[in-house]
Amino acid sequence: MDSLLTVLLGVVIAVIYLLPSYLAFARGSKDRWLILVINVAFGASLIGWGVALYLATRTPKRTQPLAQ
């Protein structure tokens, strides 16, 4: 039973760790590959994870006004 709990805990931690990358790909972010690299390389520090999460959830800037 302990090994099953260990595996389950590992999966939950991995999902939380990679959450910014998942959000970036799911939202179709322009910088999704950069976010993945930041998340994997620096995600172990809370600052790197926070930066990746911020980049994944920010609203992209519009370069042109919407046509009406």
N, C-alpha and C. Protein backbone atom coordinates (compact mmCIF):
# COMPACT_ATOMS: atom_id res chain seq x y z
N MET A 1 0.82 -1.20 0.00
CA MET A 1 0.00 0.00 0.00
C MET A 1 0.86 1.26 0.00
N ASP A 2 2.01 1.20 0.66
CA ASP A 2 2.89 2.36 0.71
C ASP A 2 3.45 2.71 -0.67
N SER A 3 3.73 1.70 -1.47
CA SER A 3 4.27 1.99 -2.80
C SER A 3 3.21 2.64 -3.70
N LEU A 4 1.97 2.23 -3.57
CA LEU A 4 0.90 2.84 -4.35
C LEU A 4 0.72 4.31 -3.94
N LEU A 5 0.76 4.58 -2.67
CA LEU A 5 0.66 5.96 -2.18
C LEU A 5 1.84 6.80 -2.65
N THR A 6 3.02 6.23 -2.67
CA THR A 6 4.22 6.92 -3.14
C THR A 6 4.10 7.27 -4.61
N VAL A 7 3.63 6.34 -5.42
CA VAL A 7 3.45 6.60 -6.85
C VAL A 7 2.38 7.66 -7.07
N LEU A 8 1.29 7.57 -6.36
CA LEU A 8 0.22 8.55 -6.48
C LEU A 8 0.70 9.95 -6.08
N LEU A 9 1.44 10.04 -5.01
CA LEU A 9 1.99 11.32 -4.58
C LEU A 9 2.96 11.87 -5.61
N GLY A 10 3.78 11.01 -6.20
CA GLY A 10 4.71 11.43 -7.24
C GLY A 10 4.00 11.98 -8.46
N VAL A 11 2.90 11.35 -8.85
CA VAL A 11 2.12 11.82 -10.00
C VAL A 11 1.49 13.18 -9.70
N VAL A 12 0.95 13.34 -8.50
CA VAL A 12 0.34 14.62 -8.13
C VAL A 12 1.39 15.72 -8.13
N ILE A 13 2.57 15.47 -7.59
CA ILE A 13 3.64 16.46 -7.57
C ILE A 13 4.08 16.80 -8.99
N ALA A 14 4.20 15.81 -9.87
CA ALA A 14 4.59 16.05 -11.26
C ALA A 14 3.55 16.90 -11.99
N VAL A 15 2.28 16.65 -11.74
CA VAL A 15 1.22 17.42 -12.39
C VAL A 15 1.28 18.88 -11.93
N ILE A 16 1.45 19.10 -10.64
CA ILE A 16 1.55 20.47 -10.13
C ILE A 16 2.80 21.15 -10.66
N TYR A 17 3.90 20.42 -10.72
CA TYR A 17 5.17 20.96 -11.21
C TYR A 17 5.05 21.41 -12.66
N LEU A 18 4.37 20.65 -13.49
CA LEU A 18 4.26 20.95 -14.91
C LEU A 18 3.00 21.73 -15.27
N LEU A 19 2.25 22.18 -14.29
CA LEU A 19 1.01 22.92 -14.54
C LEU A 19 1.21 24.15 -15.43
N PRO A 20 2.23 24.98 -15.21
CA PRO A 20 2.40 26.13 -16.10
C PRO A 20 2.60 25.73 -17.57
N SER A 21 3.35 24.68 -17.81
CA SER A 21 3.57 24.22 -19.19
C SER A 21 2.27 23.71 -19.80
N TYR A 22 1.50 22.97 -19.03
CA TYR A 22 0.21 22.48 -19.54
C TYR A 22 -0.71 23.64 -19.89
N LEU A 23 -0.77 24.63 -19.02
CA LEU A 23 -1.63 25.79 -19.28
C LEU A 23 -1.18 26.54 -20.53
N ALA A 24 0.13 26.68 -20.70
CA ALA A 24 0.64 27.39 -21.88
C ALA A 24 0.27 26.67 -23.17
N PHE A 25 0.40 25.36 -23.19
CA PHE A 25 0.06 24.61 -24.40
C PHE A 25 -1.44 24.56 -24.61
N ALA A 26 -2.21 24.45 -23.54
CA ALA A 26 -3.67 24.39 -23.67
C ALA A 26 -4.24 25.72 -24.15
N ARG A 27 -3.64 26.83 -23.73
CA ARG A 27 -4.12 28.14 -24.15
C ARG A 27 -3.52 28.57 -25.48
N GLY A 28 -2.58 27.81 -26.02
CA GLY A 28 -1.97 28.16 -27.29
C GLY A 28 -1.08 29.38 -27.18
N SER A 29 -0.38 29.51 -26.07
CA SER A 29 0.49 30.66 -25.85
C SER A 29 1.59 30.72 -26.90
N LYS A 30 1.92 31.95 -27.31
CA LYS A 30 2.96 32.14 -28.32
C LYS A 30 4.31 31.66 -27.79
N ASP A 31 4.55 31.82 -26.51
CA ASP A 31 5.84 31.48 -25.90
C ASP A 31 5.80 30.13 -25.17
N ARG A 32 4.98 29.21 -25.65
CA ARG A 32 4.80 27.95 -24.91
C ARG A 32 6.08 27.14 -24.76
N TRP A 33 6.96 27.16 -25.75
CA TRP A 33 8.20 26.39 -25.64
C TRP A 33 9.16 27.05 -24.65
N LEU A 34 9.18 28.36 -24.64
CA LEU A 34 9.99 29.07 -23.65
C LEU A 34 9.48 28.78 -22.24
N ILE A 35 8.17 28.77 -22.09
CA ILE A 35 7.57 28.47 -20.78
C ILE A 35 7.92 27.05 -20.35
N LEU A 36 7.90 26.11 -21.28
CA LEU A 36 8.27 24.73 -20.94
C LEU A 36 9.72 24.66 -20.47
N VAL A 37 10.62 25.34 -21.17
CA VAL A 37 12.03 25.32 -20.78
C VAL A 37 12.22 25.96 -19.41
N ILE A 38 11.59 27.10 -19.19
CA ILE A 38 11.69 27.76 -17.88
C ILE A 38 11.12 26.86 -16.80
N ASN A 39 9.99 26.23 -17.08
CA ASN A 39 9.34 25.36 -16.10
C ASN A 39 10.20 24.16 -15.74
N VAL A 40 10.79 23.52 -16.73
CA VAL A 40 11.60 22.33 -16.47
C VAL A 40 12.94 22.70 -15.84
N ALA A 41 13.58 23.76 -16.36
CA ALA A 41 14.91 24.10 -15.88
C ALA A 41 14.90 24.80 -14.52
N PHE A 42 13.94 25.70 -14.31
CA PHE A 42 13.94 26.50 -13.10
C PHE A 42 12.72 26.29 -12.21
N GLY A 43 11.87 25.35 -12.54
CA GLY A 43 10.64 25.15 -11.80
C GLY A 43 10.85 24.64 -10.39
N ALA A 44 11.99 24.05 -10.12
CA ALA A 44 12.24 23.55 -8.76
C ALA A 44 12.32 24.69 -7.76
N SER A 45 12.79 25.84 -8.22
CA SER A 45 12.75 27.00 -7.34
C SER A 45 11.36 27.60 -7.48
N LEU A 46 10.82 28.08 -6.44
CA LEU A 46 9.46 28.63 -6.51
C LEU A 46 9.41 29.87 -7.39
N ILE A 47 10.52 30.59 -7.49
CA ILE A 47 10.56 31.77 -8.35
C ILE A 47 10.43 31.37 -9.82
N GLY A 48 11.16 30.35 -10.24
CA GLY A 48 11.08 29.87 -11.62
C GLY A 48 9.70 29.33 -11.95
N TRP A 49 9.09 28.62 -11.01
CA TRP A 49 7.76 28.09 -11.23
C TRP A 49 6.75 29.22 -11.33
N GLY A 50 6.92 30.23 -10.47
CA GLY A 50 6.02 31.38 -10.50
C GLY A 50 6.14 32.17 -11.78
N VAL A 51 7.36 32.34 -12.28
CA VAL A 51 7.57 33.05 -13.55
C VAL A 51 6.91 32.27 -14.69
N ALA A 52 7.10 30.97 -14.71
CA ALA A 52 6.48 30.15 -15.76
C ALA A 52 4.96 30.23 -15.67
N LEU A 53 4.41 30.21 -14.48
CA LEU A 53 2.96 30.30 -14.30
C LEU A 53 2.45 31.67 -14.76
N TYR A 54 3.17 32.71 -14.43
CA TYR A 54 2.78 34.06 -14.87
C TYR A 54 2.78 34.15 -16.39
N LEU A 55 3.85 33.67 -17.02
CA LEU A 55 3.93 33.73 -18.48
C LEU A 55 2.83 32.90 -19.13
N ALA A 56 2.47 31.80 -18.51
CA ALA A 56 1.45 30.92 -19.08
C ALA A 56 0.05 31.50 -18.97
N THR A 57 -0.18 32.33 -17.97
CA THR A 57 -1.54 32.81 -17.74
C THR A 57 -1.77 34.26 -18.16
N ARG A 58 -0.73 34.95 -18.58
CA ARG A 58 -0.93 36.34 -18.99
C ARG A 58 -1.70 36.42 -20.30
N THR A 59 -2.39 37.53 -20.46
CA THR A 59 -3.16 37.76 -21.67
C THR A 59 -2.24 38.34 -22.74
N PRO A 60 -2.24 37.77 -23.93
CA PRO A 60 -1.35 38.30 -24.96
C PRO A 60 -1.75 39.71 -25.37
N LYS A 61 -0.75 40.51 -25.72
CA LYS A 61 -1.01 41.87 -26.17
C LYS A 61 -1.53 41.86 -27.59
N ARG A 62 -2.48 42.73 -27.86
CA ARG A 62 -2.99 42.84 -29.23
C ARG A 62 -2.12 43.81 -30.00
N THR A 63 -1.73 43.42 -31.19
CA THR A 63 -0.90 44.28 -32.01
C THR A 63 -1.74 45.14 -32.95
N GLN A 64 -2.93 44.67 -33.29
CA GLN A 64 -3.80 45.41 -34.20
C GLN A 64 -5.19 45.50 -33.57
N PRO A 65 -5.87 46.60 -33.79
CA PRO A 65 -7.24 46.69 -33.27
C PRO A 65 -8.17 45.74 -34.02
N LEU A 66 -9.20 45.34 -33.34
CA LEU A 66 -10.19 44.46 -33.98
C LEU A 66 -10.98 45.21 -35.04
N ALA A 67 -11.17 44.57 -36.17
CA ALA A 67 -11.96 45.18 -37.26
C ALA A 67 -13.44 45.11 -36.91
N GLN A 68 -14.17 46.19 -37.19
CA GLN A 68 -15.59 46.20 -36.88
C GLN A 68 -16.40 46.32 -38.13
